Amino acid sequence: MNAATITSRLDDWWRGDARALSQVVSELYPQLRRAAAGCLRREVRHHTLQSTALVHEAYLQLAAGAPVHCEARSHFLGVASRLMRQILIQYARRRGAAKRGGGCRLTLLDEQQVPAPQRTSVEEALDEALERLRRLEPRRHLVLEMRYRSGSTVDEIARITGLSIRTVERELSLGRSWLEKAVFEGDGAWLHK
C-alpha cells in the first residue's frame, strides 16, 4: 500500500469503516512492532508483555474506541505508539498495585512514615515528563512525539507541521536535553537512537 492509499484507508476508518483500520494495521504491522519493541526496551528487563501482544492490545483498543482522525501514516503511528505507551503504564500500575497488596485493606500509622510513591517504570516516568512538556512547550512536545513515537524523519515532521528543518532540529535538541534532565537526570542515551 502506498502513502496515498494508507491516508485514504485512514479517512475511511474515520468515516466508520472498521475494515479500513484492520487493513492499515496489517500494512503497518512491522512498523508497529518496532514501535512496540522501542516502548518495551525502555521498560524493566523481565517484562511479561511482548511486542506482538502490545501491538494486538493497541489494535483492540483502537477498534473498540471511536475512530481517530489521522492525517497520514506517521500520524497514525504516533497515535498507536502513544496508546501502546499508555497500555504499558496501566500494566505497570496494576502490577505495582498487586505488589503492594492489591485490594487488601491498609492501615496507616503515621503519614510521615509512609514512603513517597515510586515510579514503577521508565515508561511511566517518560509519560509524566512528556505530559509536563506538552503543557509547557506544545510544539516541542509534538516534534518529539512525531520523531520518537511514530518514527517520522526530520523532513516529514517539517512538512507535516509547517516548520523549517532547522526549527525541527532545534526543537528535537532542546526536547532531548529537557527529557534527559526530567527523566534520567543526565542518562538519556536511548533518546539519541
N, C-alpha and C. Protein backbone atom coordinates (compact mmCIF):
# COMPACT_ATOMS: atom_id res chain seq x y z
N MET A 1 0.86 -1.17 0.00
CA MET A 1 0.00 0.00 0.00
C MET A 1 0.90 1.23 0.00
N ASN A 2 0.65 2.17 -0.89
CA ASN A 2 1.44 3.40 -0.89
C ASN A 2 0.88 4.40 0.12
N ALA A 3 1.58 5.51 0.29
CA ALA A 3 1.20 6.51 1.30
C ALA A 3 -0.20 7.07 1.05
N ALA A 4 -0.53 7.31 -0.20
CA ALA A 4 -1.86 7.86 -0.51
C ALA A 4 -2.97 6.87 -0.17
N THR A 5 -2.73 5.60 -0.43
CA THR A 5 -3.73 4.57 -0.12
C THR A 5 -3.90 4.44 1.38
N ILE A 6 -2.80 4.50 2.13
CA ILE A 6 -2.90 4.43 3.59
C ILE A 6 -3.70 5.61 4.11
N THR A 7 -3.42 6.81 3.59
CA THR A 7 -4.16 8.00 4.01
C THR A 7 -5.64 7.85 3.68
N SER A 8 -5.93 7.30 2.51
CA SER A 8 -7.33 7.07 2.12
C SER A 8 -8.01 6.07 3.06
N ARG A 9 -7.30 4.99 3.42
CA ARG A 9 -7.87 4.00 4.35
C ARG A 9 -8.08 4.61 5.74
N LEU A 10 -7.17 5.49 6.15
CA LEU A 10 -7.34 6.17 7.45
C LEU A 10 -8.58 7.06 7.41
N ASP A 11 -8.82 7.72 6.29
CA ASP A 11 -10.04 8.53 6.15
C ASP A 11 -11.28 7.64 6.20
N ASP A 12 -11.20 6.47 5.55
CA ASP A 12 -12.33 5.53 5.59
C ASP A 12 -12.62 5.09 7.03
N TRP A 13 -11.56 4.82 7.78
CA TRP A 13 -11.74 4.43 9.19
C TRP A 13 -12.41 5.56 9.96
N TRP A 14 -11.98 6.78 9.72
CA TRP A 14 -12.54 7.96 10.39
C TRP A 14 -14.03 8.07 10.09
N ARG A 15 -14.42 7.65 8.90
CA ARG A 15 -15.83 7.72 8.50
C ARG A 15 -16.64 6.52 8.97
N GLY A 16 -15.99 5.55 9.64
CA GLY A 16 -16.73 4.45 10.23
C GLY A 16 -16.49 3.07 9.64
N ASP A 17 -15.59 2.95 8.68
CA ASP A 17 -15.29 1.65 8.08
C ASP A 17 -14.26 0.93 8.95
N ALA A 18 -14.73 -0.01 9.77
CA ALA A 18 -13.84 -0.73 10.70
C ALA A 18 -12.83 -1.60 9.96
N ARG A 19 -13.17 -2.08 8.77
CA ARG A 19 -12.23 -2.89 8.00
C ARG A 19 -11.01 -2.09 7.58
N ALA A 20 -11.19 -0.79 7.39
CA ALA A 20 -10.07 0.06 6.96
C ALA A 20 -8.98 0.08 8.02
N LEU A 21 -9.36 0.10 9.31
CA LEU A 21 -8.37 0.06 10.38
C LEU A 21 -7.58 -1.23 10.31
N SER A 22 -8.25 -2.34 10.11
CA SER A 22 -7.58 -3.63 10.02
C SER A 22 -6.59 -3.65 8.86
N GLN A 23 -6.95 -3.06 7.73
CA GLN A 23 -6.06 -3.01 6.58
C GLN A 23 -4.83 -2.16 6.86
N VAL A 24 -5.04 -1.02 7.52
CA VAL A 24 -3.91 -0.13 7.84
C VAL A 24 -2.97 -0.83 8.82
N VAL A 25 -3.53 -1.45 9.85
CA VAL A 25 -2.70 -2.15 10.83
C VAL A 25 -1.93 -3.29 10.17
N SER A 26 -2.58 -4.03 9.29
CA SER A 26 -1.88 -5.12 8.58
C SER A 26 -0.72 -4.56 7.76
N GLU A 27 -0.93 -3.47 7.08
CA GLU A 27 0.11 -2.88 6.24
C GLU A 27 1.26 -2.32 7.08
N LEU A 28 0.94 -1.70 8.20
CA LEU A 28 1.96 -1.05 9.03
C LEU A 28 2.45 -1.93 10.18
N TYR A 29 2.07 -3.21 10.16
CA TYR A 29 2.39 -4.10 11.27
C TYR A 29 3.89 -4.14 11.62
N PRO A 30 4.79 -4.23 10.65
CA PRO A 30 6.23 -4.24 11.02
C PRO A 30 6.65 -2.95 11.74
N GLN A 31 6.14 -1.82 11.30
CA GLN A 31 6.48 -0.56 11.95
C GLN A 31 5.85 -0.48 13.35
N LEU A 32 4.65 -1.00 13.49
CA LEU A 32 4.01 -1.02 14.81
C LEU A 32 4.79 -1.93 15.77
N ARG A 33 5.28 -3.07 15.28
CA ARG A 33 6.07 -3.96 16.13
C ARG A 33 7.37 -3.29 16.56
N ARG A 34 8.01 -2.53 15.64
CA ARG A 34 9.23 -1.80 16.00
C ARG A 34 8.93 -0.75 17.07
N ALA A 35 7.81 -0.05 16.92
CA ALA A 35 7.41 0.95 17.92
C ALA A 35 7.16 0.28 19.27
N ALA A 36 6.49 -0.86 19.25
CA ALA A 36 6.21 -1.60 20.49
C ALA A 36 7.51 -2.07 21.13
N ALA A 37 8.43 -2.57 20.31
CA ALA A 37 9.72 -3.02 20.83
C ALA A 37 10.48 -1.85 21.45
N GLY A 38 10.38 -0.68 20.85
CA GLY A 38 11.01 0.51 21.43
C GLY A 38 10.42 0.87 22.78
N CYS A 39 9.10 0.78 22.89
CA CYS A 39 8.44 1.04 24.18
C CYS A 39 8.91 0.04 25.22
N LEU A 40 8.98 -1.23 24.84
CA LEU A 40 9.36 -2.27 25.78
C LEU A 40 10.83 -2.20 26.17
N ARG A 41 11.69 -1.71 25.28
CA ARG A 41 13.11 -1.56 25.60
C ARG A 41 13.33 -0.62 26.78
N ARG A 42 12.44 0.35 26.91
CA ARG A 42 12.56 1.31 27.99
C ARG A 42 11.89 0.82 29.28
N GLU A 43 11.37 -0.38 29.25
CA GLU A 43 10.72 -0.97 30.42
C GLU A 43 11.73 -1.81 31.21
N VAL A 44 11.23 -2.39 32.29
CA VAL A 44 12.08 -3.26 33.11
C VAL A 44 12.52 -4.46 32.28
N ARG A 45 13.62 -5.07 32.64
CA ARG A 45 14.24 -6.14 31.86
C ARG A 45 13.34 -7.37 31.68
N HIS A 46 12.67 -7.80 32.71
CA HIS A 46 11.90 -9.05 32.66
C HIS A 46 10.41 -8.75 32.51
N HIS A 47 10.08 -8.03 31.47
CA HIS A 47 8.68 -7.67 31.23
C HIS A 47 7.95 -8.87 30.66
N THR A 48 6.73 -9.09 31.11
CA THR A 48 5.98 -10.25 30.65
C THR A 48 5.27 -10.00 29.32
N LEU A 49 5.11 -8.75 28.93
CA LEU A 49 4.49 -8.44 27.64
C LEU A 49 5.54 -8.52 26.54
N GLN A 50 5.10 -8.89 25.36
CA GLN A 50 5.96 -8.92 24.19
C GLN A 50 5.42 -7.93 23.17
N SER A 51 6.25 -7.55 22.22
CA SER A 51 5.85 -6.52 21.26
C SER A 51 4.60 -6.93 20.48
N THR A 52 4.49 -8.20 20.12
CA THR A 52 3.31 -8.67 19.38
C THR A 52 2.05 -8.47 20.21
N ALA A 53 2.09 -8.86 21.47
CA ALA A 53 0.93 -8.70 22.35
C ALA A 53 0.58 -7.23 22.54
N LEU A 54 1.60 -6.39 22.64
CA LEU A 54 1.36 -4.95 22.82
C LEU A 54 0.69 -4.35 21.58
N VAL A 55 1.14 -4.74 20.39
CA VAL A 55 0.51 -4.25 19.15
C VAL A 55 -0.94 -4.73 19.08
N HIS A 56 -1.17 -5.99 19.42
CA HIS A 56 -2.53 -6.54 19.36
C HIS A 56 -3.45 -5.85 20.36
N GLU A 57 -2.96 -5.57 21.55
CA GLU A 57 -3.77 -4.86 22.55
C GLU A 57 -4.10 -3.45 22.06
N ALA A 58 -3.13 -2.79 21.46
CA ALA A 58 -3.38 -1.44 20.92
C ALA A 58 -4.43 -1.51 19.81
N TYR A 59 -4.32 -2.50 18.95
CA TYR A 59 -5.30 -2.66 17.88
C TYR A 59 -6.71 -2.86 18.45
N LEU A 60 -6.82 -3.74 19.46
CA LEU A 60 -8.13 -3.99 20.06
C LEU A 60 -8.72 -2.72 20.65
N GLN A 61 -7.89 -1.92 21.30
CA GLN A 61 -8.39 -0.68 21.89
C GLN A 61 -8.76 0.34 20.81
N LEU A 62 -7.98 0.40 19.74
CA LEU A 62 -8.34 1.31 18.64
C LEU A 62 -9.65 0.88 17.99
N ALA A 63 -9.81 -0.43 17.79
CA ALA A 63 -11.03 -0.94 17.15
C ALA A 63 -12.26 -0.75 18.03
N ALA A 64 -12.08 -0.85 19.34
CA ALA A 64 -13.21 -0.73 20.26
C ALA A 64 -13.62 0.72 20.50
N GLY A 65 -12.68 1.64 20.34
CA GLY A 65 -12.97 3.04 20.61
C GLY A 65 -13.49 3.78 19.39
N ALA A 66 -13.68 5.07 19.58
CA ALA A 66 -14.11 5.92 18.48
C ALA A 66 -12.94 6.10 17.51
N PRO A 67 -13.21 6.14 16.20
CA PRO A 67 -12.13 6.34 15.23
C PRO A 67 -11.39 7.66 15.50
N VAL A 68 -10.11 7.65 15.21
CA VAL A 68 -9.26 8.82 15.41
C VAL A 68 -8.94 9.40 14.04
N HIS A 69 -9.05 10.69 13.90
CA HIS A 69 -8.72 11.32 12.62
C HIS A 69 -7.21 11.43 12.49
N CYS A 70 -6.63 10.65 11.61
CA CYS A 70 -5.18 10.65 11.37
C CYS A 70 -4.93 11.18 9.96
N GLU A 71 -4.02 12.12 9.85
CA GLU A 71 -3.77 12.77 8.57
C GLU A 71 -2.83 11.97 7.67
N ALA A 72 -1.99 11.13 8.24
CA ALA A 72 -1.02 10.40 7.44
C ALA A 72 -0.52 9.20 8.23
N ARG A 73 0.30 8.39 7.56
CA ARG A 73 0.90 7.21 8.18
C ARG A 73 1.63 7.55 9.47
N SER A 74 2.47 8.59 9.44
CA SER A 74 3.26 8.94 10.62
C SER A 74 2.36 9.40 11.77
N HIS A 75 1.27 10.07 11.45
CA HIS A 75 0.33 10.49 12.49
C HIS A 75 -0.32 9.27 13.14
N PHE A 76 -0.73 8.30 12.33
CA PHE A 76 -1.32 7.08 12.86
C PHE A 76 -0.33 6.33 13.74
N LEU A 77 0.93 6.22 13.26
CA LEU A 77 1.95 5.53 14.06
C LEU A 77 2.17 6.24 15.38
N GLY A 78 2.10 7.56 15.39
CA GLY A 78 2.23 8.32 16.64
C GLY A 78 1.08 8.03 17.59
N VAL A 79 -0.13 7.99 17.06
CA VAL A 79 -1.31 7.68 17.89
C VAL A 79 -1.18 6.27 18.47
N ALA A 80 -0.80 5.31 17.63
CA ALA A 80 -0.67 3.92 18.09
C ALA A 80 0.45 3.80 19.12
N SER A 81 1.56 4.50 18.91
CA SER A 81 2.68 4.45 19.86
C SER A 81 2.28 5.03 21.21
N ARG A 82 1.57 6.13 21.17
CA ARG A 82 1.11 6.74 22.43
C ARG A 82 0.17 5.78 23.17
N LEU A 83 -0.71 5.13 22.42
CA LEU A 83 -1.62 4.16 23.03
C LEU A 83 -0.85 3.00 23.64
N MET A 84 0.17 2.51 22.94
CA MET A 84 0.98 1.41 23.49
C MET A 84 1.68 1.84 24.76
N ARG A 85 2.16 3.08 24.79
CA ARG A 85 2.81 3.59 26.00
C ARG A 85 1.81 3.65 27.15
N GLN A 86 0.59 4.08 26.87
CA GLN A 86 -0.44 4.13 27.92
C GLN A 86 -0.81 2.73 28.40
N ILE A 87 -0.83 1.76 27.50
CA ILE A 87 -1.10 0.37 27.90
C ILE A 87 -0.02 -0.11 28.85
N LEU A 88 1.24 0.19 28.55
CA LEU A 88 2.34 -0.22 29.43
C LEU A 88 2.25 0.47 30.79
N ILE A 89 1.86 1.71 30.80
CA ILE A 89 1.72 2.44 32.07
C ILE A 89 0.61 1.81 32.91
N GLN A 90 -0.52 1.51 32.29
CA GLN A 90 -1.61 0.86 33.02
C GLN A 90 -1.18 -0.51 33.53
N TYR A 91 -0.45 -1.23 32.72
CA TYR A 91 0.07 -2.55 33.12
C TYR A 91 1.00 -2.41 34.32
N ALA A 92 1.91 -1.43 34.26
CA ALA A 92 2.86 -1.22 35.36
C ALA A 92 2.13 -0.81 36.64
N ARG A 93 1.11 0.00 36.52
CA ARG A 93 0.35 0.41 37.71
C ARG A 93 -0.39 -0.77 38.33
N ARG A 94 -0.98 -1.60 37.48
CA ARG A 94 -1.67 -2.79 38.02
C ARG A 94 -0.68 -3.73 38.68
N ARG A 95 0.47 -3.93 38.02
CA ARG A 95 1.50 -4.81 38.58
C ARG A 95 2.02 -4.24 39.91
N GLY A 96 2.22 -2.94 39.97
CA GLY A 96 2.69 -2.30 41.20
C GLY A 96 1.65 -2.38 42.30
N ALA A 97 0.37 -2.23 41.94
CA ALA A 97 -0.68 -2.33 42.94
C ALA A 97 -0.75 -3.74 43.51
N ALA A 98 -0.57 -4.74 42.65
CA ALA A 98 -0.59 -6.12 43.13
C ALA A 98 0.57 -6.38 44.08
N LYS A 99 1.73 -5.80 43.79
CA LYS A 99 2.89 -5.98 44.66
C LYS A 99 2.68 -5.31 46.01
N ARG A 100 1.87 -4.27 46.03
CA ARG A 100 1.63 -3.55 47.28
C ARG A 100 0.38 -4.04 48.00
N GLY A 101 -0.10 -5.19 47.60
CA GLY A 101 -1.23 -5.77 48.33
C GLY A 101 -2.53 -5.76 47.57
N GLY A 102 -2.55 -5.18 46.38
CA GLY A 102 -3.76 -5.19 45.56
C GLY A 102 -4.94 -4.59 46.30
N GLY A 103 -5.98 -5.36 46.51
CA GLY A 103 -7.19 -4.88 47.15
C GLY A 103 -7.20 -5.05 48.66
N CYS A 104 -6.06 -5.41 49.26
CA CYS A 104 -6.01 -5.60 50.71
C CYS A 104 -6.25 -4.27 51.44
N ARG A 105 -6.79 -4.36 52.61
CA ARG A 105 -7.04 -3.19 53.42
C ARG A 105 -5.73 -2.78 54.11
N LEU A 106 -5.39 -1.50 53.97
CA LEU A 106 -4.17 -0.99 54.56
C LEU A 106 -4.47 -0.14 55.79
N THR A 107 -3.62 -0.21 56.77
CA THR A 107 -3.73 0.62 57.96
C THR A 107 -2.50 1.50 58.03
N LEU A 108 -2.70 2.80 57.98
CA LEU A 108 -1.59 3.75 58.04
C LEU A 108 -1.36 4.17 59.49
N LEU A 109 -0.13 4.13 59.92
CA LEU A 109 0.19 4.52 61.29
C LEU A 109 0.45 6.01 61.39
N ASP A 110 1.25 6.52 60.49
CA ASP A 110 1.63 7.92 60.56
C ASP A 110 1.96 8.37 59.15
N GLU A 111 1.44 9.50 58.71
CA GLU A 111 1.70 9.99 57.37
C GLU A 111 3.19 10.15 57.09
N GLN A 112 3.97 10.52 58.09
CA GLN A 112 5.40 10.74 57.86
C GLN A 112 6.16 9.42 57.69
N GLN A 113 5.58 8.31 58.09
CA GLN A 113 6.23 7.02 57.92
C GLN A 113 5.93 6.39 56.57
N VAL A 114 4.99 6.97 55.83
CA VAL A 114 4.60 6.42 54.54
C VAL A 114 5.58 6.93 53.48
N PRO A 115 6.28 6.04 52.80
CA PRO A 115 7.23 6.49 51.78
C PRO A 115 6.50 7.11 50.58
N ALA A 116 7.17 8.03 49.92
CA ALA A 116 6.59 8.64 48.72
C ALA A 116 6.43 7.57 47.64
N PRO A 117 5.36 7.66 46.86
CA PRO A 117 5.18 6.66 45.81
C PRO A 117 6.32 6.73 44.82
N GLN A 118 6.79 5.55 44.41
CA GLN A 118 7.88 5.49 43.46
C GLN A 118 7.33 5.13 42.09
N ARG A 119 8.01 5.62 41.07
CA ARG A 119 7.62 5.28 39.71
C ARG A 119 7.86 3.79 39.51
N THR A 120 6.95 3.17 38.77
CA THR A 120 7.08 1.74 38.56
C THR A 120 7.80 1.41 37.26
N SER A 121 8.01 2.39 36.39
CA SER A 121 8.69 2.10 35.14
C SER A 121 9.26 3.36 34.52
N VAL A 122 10.21 3.15 33.66
CA VAL A 122 10.76 4.27 32.90
C VAL A 122 9.67 4.84 32.01
N GLU A 123 8.83 3.98 31.48
CA GLU A 123 7.75 4.42 30.60
C GLU A 123 6.80 5.38 31.33
N GLU A 124 6.51 5.08 32.58
CA GLU A 124 5.64 5.95 33.37
C GLU A 124 6.33 7.29 33.63
N ALA A 125 7.62 7.26 33.95
CA ALA A 125 8.38 8.49 34.17
C ALA A 125 8.42 9.32 32.89
N LEU A 126 8.63 8.66 31.77
CA LEU A 126 8.67 9.36 30.49
C LEU A 126 7.32 9.98 30.18
N ASP A 127 6.25 9.23 30.43
CA ASP A 127 4.91 9.76 30.17
C ASP A 127 4.64 11.00 31.01
N GLU A 128 5.03 10.98 32.28
CA GLU A 128 4.84 12.15 33.14
C GLU A 128 5.64 13.34 32.62
N ALA A 129 6.88 13.09 32.21
CA ALA A 129 7.72 14.18 31.70
C ALA A 129 7.16 14.74 30.40
N LEU A 130 6.70 13.87 29.52
CA LEU A 130 6.12 14.33 28.25
C LEU A 130 4.84 15.13 28.49
N GLU A 131 4.06 14.73 29.46
CA GLU A 131 2.84 15.49 29.78
C GLU A 131 3.19 16.89 30.28
N ARG A 132 4.22 16.99 31.13
CA ARG A 132 4.68 18.32 31.59
C ARG A 132 5.16 19.14 30.40
N LEU A 133 5.93 18.51 29.52
CA LEU A 133 6.44 19.21 28.35
C LEU A 133 5.30 19.66 27.44
N ARG A 134 4.27 18.83 27.30
CA ARG A 134 3.11 19.20 26.47
C ARG A 134 2.47 20.48 26.97
N ARG A 135 2.37 20.62 28.30
CA ARG A 135 1.77 21.83 28.87
C ARG A 135 2.69 23.04 28.73
N LEU A 136 4.01 22.81 28.87
CA LEU A 136 4.97 23.92 28.83
C LEU A 136 5.32 24.34 27.40
N GLU A 137 5.59 23.37 26.55
CA GLU A 137 6.07 23.63 25.18
C GLU A 137 5.34 22.70 24.20
N PRO A 138 4.10 23.04 23.81
CA PRO A 138 3.33 22.13 22.96
C PRO A 138 4.01 21.78 21.63
N ARG A 139 4.65 22.76 21.00
CA ARG A 139 5.31 22.48 19.72
C ARG A 139 6.47 21.51 19.90
N ARG A 140 7.27 21.72 20.91
CA ARG A 140 8.40 20.83 21.18
C ARG A 140 7.90 19.42 21.47
N HIS A 141 6.82 19.33 22.24
CA HIS A 141 6.22 18.04 22.56
C HIS A 141 5.78 17.33 21.28
N LEU A 142 5.11 18.04 20.39
CA LEU A 142 4.64 17.45 19.15
C LEU A 142 5.80 16.92 18.31
N VAL A 143 6.87 17.71 18.20
CA VAL A 143 8.03 17.30 17.41
C VAL A 143 8.66 16.04 18.01
N LEU A 144 8.81 16.00 19.34
CA LEU A 144 9.38 14.81 19.99
C LEU A 144 8.49 13.58 19.80
N GLU A 145 7.21 13.74 19.95
CA GLU A 145 6.27 12.62 19.76
C GLU A 145 6.37 12.08 18.34
N MET A 146 6.41 12.98 17.37
CA MET A 146 6.46 12.53 15.98
C MET A 146 7.77 11.81 15.68
N ARG A 147 8.87 12.29 16.24
CA ARG A 147 10.18 11.69 15.97
C ARG A 147 10.35 10.35 16.67
N TYR A 148 10.07 10.31 17.98
CA TYR A 148 10.40 9.13 18.77
C TYR A 148 9.26 8.14 18.92
N ARG A 149 8.05 8.57 18.74
CA ARG A 149 6.93 7.64 18.89
C ARG A 149 6.45 7.12 17.55
N SER A 150 6.45 7.97 16.52
CA SER A 150 5.97 7.49 15.23
C SER A 150 7.11 7.25 14.25
N GLY A 151 8.34 7.62 14.62
CA GLY A 151 9.48 7.36 13.77
C GLY A 151 9.58 8.27 12.56
N SER A 152 8.92 9.42 12.59
CA SER A 152 8.98 10.35 11.47
C SER A 152 10.37 10.93 11.33
N THR A 153 10.77 11.20 10.11
CA THR A 153 12.05 11.84 9.87
C THR A 153 11.92 13.34 10.10
N VAL A 154 13.05 14.01 10.17
CA VAL A 154 13.04 15.47 10.35
C VAL A 154 12.30 16.12 9.18
N ASP A 155 12.55 15.63 7.97
CA ASP A 155 11.86 16.19 6.79
C ASP A 155 10.34 16.00 6.88
N GLU A 156 9.91 14.81 7.29
CA GLU A 156 8.47 14.55 7.42
C GLU A 156 7.83 15.45 8.47
N ILE A 157 8.52 15.61 9.60
CA ILE A 157 7.99 16.48 10.66
C ILE A 157 7.86 17.91 10.16
N ALA A 158 8.89 18.39 9.45
CA ALA A 158 8.86 19.75 8.92
C ALA A 158 7.69 19.92 7.94
N ARG A 159 7.50 18.94 7.07
CA ARG A 159 6.42 19.01 6.08
C ARG A 159 5.05 19.00 6.76
N ILE A 160 4.85 18.10 7.71
CA ILE A 160 3.54 17.96 8.35
C ILE A 160 3.21 19.15 9.24
N THR A 161 4.20 19.66 9.98
CA THR A 161 3.94 20.75 10.93
C THR A 161 4.07 22.14 10.31
N GLY A 162 4.72 22.22 9.14
CA GLY A 162 4.93 23.53 8.53
C GLY A 162 6.11 24.29 9.11
N LEU A 163 6.93 23.59 9.90
CA LEU A 163 8.12 24.21 10.49
C LEU A 163 9.30 24.03 9.54
N SER A 164 10.33 24.87 9.70
CA SER A 164 11.54 24.68 8.91
C SER A 164 12.32 23.50 9.47
N ILE A 165 13.18 22.92 8.65
CA ILE A 165 14.01 21.80 9.10
C ILE A 165 14.88 22.23 10.27
N ARG A 166 15.44 23.43 10.19
CA ARG A 166 16.30 23.93 11.28
C ARG A 166 15.50 24.05 12.59
N THR A 167 14.26 24.51 12.52
CA THR A 167 13.43 24.63 13.72
C THR A 167 13.13 23.26 14.31
N VAL A 168 12.83 22.29 13.44
CA VAL A 168 12.57 20.93 13.92
C VAL A 168 13.81 20.38 14.61
N GLU A 169 14.98 20.55 14.01
CA GLU A 169 16.22 20.07 14.62
C GLU A 169 16.47 20.73 15.98
N ARG A 170 16.21 22.03 16.06
CA ARG A 170 16.40 22.76 17.32
C ARG A 170 15.43 22.25 18.39
N GLU A 171 14.17 22.05 18.01
CA GLU A 171 13.17 21.55 18.97
C GLU A 171 13.54 20.15 19.45
N LEU A 172 14.06 19.31 18.56
CA LEU A 172 14.49 17.97 18.95
C LEU A 172 15.65 18.04 19.94
N SER A 173 16.62 18.88 19.66
CA SER A 173 17.78 19.01 20.54
C SER A 173 17.37 19.53 21.92
N LEU A 174 16.58 20.58 21.94
CA LEU A 174 16.13 21.14 23.23
C LEU A 174 15.24 20.15 23.97
N GLY A 175 14.38 19.46 23.23
CA GLY A 175 13.50 18.48 23.86
C GLY A 175 14.25 17.32 24.46
N ARG A 176 15.27 16.81 23.75
CA ARG A 176 16.09 15.71 24.28
C ARG A 176 16.77 16.14 25.58
N SER A 177 17.35 17.33 25.57
CA SER A 177 18.04 17.82 26.78
C SER A 177 17.06 17.94 27.95
N TRP A 178 15.89 18.46 27.68
CA TRP A 178 14.90 18.64 28.74
C TRP A 178 14.46 17.29 29.29
N LEU A 179 14.21 16.32 28.40
CA LEU A 179 13.78 15.00 28.86
C LEU A 179 14.88 14.27 29.62
N GLU A 180 16.12 14.42 29.20
CA GLU A 180 17.22 13.79 29.93
C GLU A 180 17.21 14.25 31.38
N LYS A 181 17.05 15.53 31.57
CA LYS A 181 17.04 16.06 32.94
C LYS A 181 15.79 15.62 33.69
N ALA A 182 14.66 15.66 33.02
CA ALA A 182 13.39 15.35 33.68
C ALA A 182 13.24 13.87 34.02
N VAL A 183 13.73 12.99 33.17
CA VAL A 183 13.51 11.56 33.37
C VAL A 183 14.71 10.85 33.98
N PHE A 184 15.86 11.11 33.44
CA PHE A 184 17.02 10.32 33.82
C PHE A 184 18.08 11.10 34.57
N GLU A 185 17.86 12.37 34.75
CA GLU A 185 18.84 13.22 35.42
C GLU A 185 20.23 12.99 34.82
N GLY A 186 20.28 13.08 33.47
CA GLY A 186 21.56 13.02 32.78
C GLY A 186 21.82 11.76 31.99
N ASP A 187 21.05 10.67 32.21
CA ASP A 187 21.32 9.43 31.49
C ASP A 187 20.18 9.16 30.51
N GLY A 188 20.23 9.81 29.38
CA GLY A 188 19.17 9.65 28.38
C GLY A 188 19.69 9.08 27.09
N ALA A 189 20.55 8.10 27.14
CA ALA A 189 21.18 7.54 25.94
C ALA A 189 20.14 7.04 24.94
N TRP A 190 19.02 6.52 25.41
CA TRP A 190 18.01 5.99 24.50
C TRP A 190 17.43 7.07 23.60
N LEU A 191 17.50 8.35 24.03
CA LEU A 191 16.94 9.44 23.23
C LEU A 191 17.75 9.68 21.96
N HIS A 192 18.97 9.25 21.92
CA HIS A 192 19.84 9.56 20.79
C HIS A 192 19.82 8.49 19.71
N LYS A 193 18.95 7.51 19.87
CA LYS A 193 18.85 6.41 18.89
C LYS A 193 18.11 6.89 17.66
